[in-house]
C-alpha atoms as a PDB file:
ATOM      1  CA  MET A   1       6.010  14.331   4.300  1.00  0.00           C
ATOM      2  CA  SER A   2       4.702  14.878   0.781  1.00  0.00           C
ATOM      3  CA  GLU A   3       6.135  11.500  -0.294  1.00  0.00           C
ATOM      4  CA  LEU A   4       4.018   9.711   2.303  1.00  0.00           C
ATOM      5  CA  SER A   5       0.969  11.729   1.285  1.00  0.00           C
ATOM      6  CA  GLU A   6       1.469  10.735  -2.346  1.00  0.00           C
ATOM      7  CA  ILE A   7       1.809   7.061  -1.415  1.00  0.00           C
ATOM      8  CA  SER A   8      -1.222   7.281   0.847  1.00  0.00           C
ATOM      9  CA  GLU A   9      -3.243   8.770  -2.006  1.00  0.00           C
ATOM     10  CA  MET A  10      -2.133   5.949  -4.328  1.00  0.00           C
ATOM     11  CA  LEU A  11      -3.219   3.413  -1.719  1.00  0.00           C
ATOM     12  CA  GLY A  12      -6.534   5.219  -1.343  1.00  0.00           C
ATOM     13  CA  ASN A  13      -7.163   4.891  -5.071  1.00  0.00           C
ATOM     14  CA  LEU A  14      -6.457   1.160  -4.901  1.00  0.00           C
ATOM     15  CA  VAL A  15      -8.713   0.711  -1.872  1.00  0.00           C
ATOM     16  CA  ASN A  16     -11.579   2.378  -3.760  1.00  0.00           C
ATOM     17  CA  ASP A  17     -11.109   0.142  -6.841  1.00  0.00           C
ATOM     18  CA  THR A  18     -13.936  -2.387  -6.682  1.00  0.00           C
ATOM     19  CA  THR A  19     -12.262  -4.670  -9.248  1.00  0.00           C
ATOM     20  CA  ILE A  20      -9.704  -5.607  -6.584  1.00  0.00           C
ATOM     21  CA  PRO A  21     -10.703  -8.472  -4.252  1.00  0.00           C
ATOM     22  CA  LYS A  22     -11.835  -7.484  -0.759  1.00  0.00           C
ATOM     23  CA  ASN A  23      -8.955  -9.206   1.090  1.00  0.00           C
ATOM     24  CA  ILE A  24      -6.402  -7.278  -0.967  1.00  0.00           C
ATOM     25  CA  ARG A  25      -8.237  -3.970  -0.462  1.00  0.00           C
ATOM     26  CA  LYS A  26      -8.306  -4.688   3.297  1.00  0.00           C
ATOM     27  CA  ALA A  27      -4.516  -5.124   3.412  1.00  0.00           C
ATOM     28  CA  LEU A  28      -4.023  -1.966   1.346  1.00  0.00           C
ATOM     29  CA  SER A  29      -6.410  -0.079   3.622  1.00  0.00           C
ATOM     30  CA  ASP A  30      -4.482  -1.269   6.683  1.00  0.00           C
ATOM     31  CA  ALA A  31      -1.232  -0.113   5.071  1.00  0.00           C
ATOM     32  CA  LYS A  32      -2.777   3.294   4.323  1.00  0.00           C
ATOM     33  CA  THR A  33      -3.980   3.582   7.925  1.00  0.00           C
ATOM     34  CA  ARG A  34      -0.462   2.843   9.184  1.00  0.00           C
ATOM     35  CA  LEU A  35       1.049   5.452   6.844  1.00  0.00           C
ATOM     36  CA  ASP A  36      -1.478   8.047   7.983  1.00  0.00           C
ATOM     37  CA  GLY A  37      -0.773   7.283  11.652  1.00  0.00           C
ATOM     38  CA  THR A  38       1.281   9.265  14.130  1.00  0.00           C
ATOM     39  CA  GLU A  39       4.153   6.823  14.537  1.00  0.00           C
ATOM     40  CA  GLU A  40       7.734   7.517  13.551  1.00  0.00           C
ATOM     41  CA  LYS A  41       8.209   7.643   9.761  1.00  0.00           C
ATOM     42  CA  GLN A  42      10.448   4.562   9.622  1.00  0.00           C
ATOM     43  CA  VAL A  43       7.961   2.502  11.656  1.00  0.00           C
ATOM     44  CA  LYS A  44       5.078   3.562   9.398  1.00  0.00           C
ATOM     45  CA  VAL A  45       6.992   2.720   6.226  1.00  0.00           C
ATOM     46  CA  SER A  46       8.166  -0.665   7.523  1.00  0.00           C
ATOM     47  CA  ALA A  47       4.669  -1.630   8.665  1.00  0.00           C
ATOM     48  CA  ALA A  48       3.174  -0.630   5.311  1.00  0.00           C
ATOM     49  CA  ILE A  49       5.810  -2.619   3.403  1.00  0.00           C
ATOM     50  CA  TYR A  50       5.099  -5.684   5.541  1.00  0.00           C
ATOM     51  CA  LEU A  51       1.344  -5.443   4.969  1.00  0.00           C
ATOM     52  CA  ILE A  52       1.617  -4.901   1.228  1.00  0.00           C
ATOM     53  CA  GLN A  53       4.235  -7.621   0.796  1.00  0.00           C
ATOM     54  CA  SER A  54       1.803 -10.130   2.269  1.00  0.00           C
ATOM     55  CA  ILE A  55      -0.617  -9.611  -0.654  1.00  0.00           C
ATOM     56  CA  SER A  56       1.769  -8.718  -3.484  1.00  0.00           C
ATOM     57  CA  ASP A  57       1.830 -12.282  -4.861  1.00  0.00           C
ATOM     58  CA  ASP A  58      -1.908 -12.950  -4.518  1.00  0.00           C
ATOM     59  CA  ILE A  59      -3.040 -14.741  -7.680  1.00  0.00           C
ATOM     60  CA  ASN A  60      -6.449 -13.047  -7.535  1.00  0.00           C
ATOM     61  CA  MET A  61      -4.997  -9.558  -7.946  1.00  0.00           C
ATOM     62  CA  PRO A  62      -5.871  -7.966 -11.299  1.00  0.00           C
ATOM     63  CA  PRO A  63      -2.833  -7.115 -13.473  1.00  0.00           C
ATOM     64  CA  HIS A  64      -3.455  -3.352 -13.352  1.00  0.00           C
ATOM     65  CA  ALA A  65      -3.565  -3.453  -9.548  1.00  0.00           C
ATOM     66  CA  ARG A  66      -0.404  -5.551  -9.334  1.00  0.00           C
ATOM     67  CA  THR A  67       1.494  -2.916 -11.312  1.00  0.00           C
ATOM     68  CA  GLN A  68       0.257  -0.172  -8.998  1.00  0.00           C
ATOM     69  CA  VAL A  69       1.090  -2.214  -5.885  1.00  0.00           C
ATOM     70  CA  TRP A  70       4.624  -2.766  -7.155  1.00  0.00           C
ATOM     71  CA  SER A  71       4.923   0.966  -7.778  1.00  0.00           C
ATOM     72  CA  VAL A  72       3.794   1.705  -4.201  1.00  0.00           C
ATOM     73  CA  MET A  73       6.249  -0.894  -2.863  1.00  0.00           C
ATOM     74  CA  SER A  74       9.070   0.701  -4.830  1.00  0.00           C
ATOM     75  CA  LEU A  75       8.272   4.128  -3.417  1.00  0.00           C
ATOM     76  CA  LEU A  76       8.051   2.779   0.123  1.00  0.00           C
ATOM     77  CA  GLU A  77      11.323   0.910  -0.196  1.00  0.00           C
ATOM     78  CA  SER A  78      13.050   4.066  -1.433  1.00  0.00           C
ATOM     79  CA  LEU A  79      11.983   5.751   1.835  1.00  0.00           C
ATOM     80  CA  SER A  80      13.268   2.981   4.106  1.00  0.00           C
END
């Protein structure tokens, strides 16, 4: 489960970044909550991917955050 912990930590860092708009941080926080939940691993990963995908093309996302979000997506997709 260390992979999920690493991804959750990355999401936590993004959620705490105040340069990221609130709606994007909310979606990232929801994804982190799903990953930290007690559901089956595949369900958690799929739910997190769905939530993050919904904000990945947001034009208000700062470039540094977009790069980190893509990195998180890549890690999640490698687990699915």
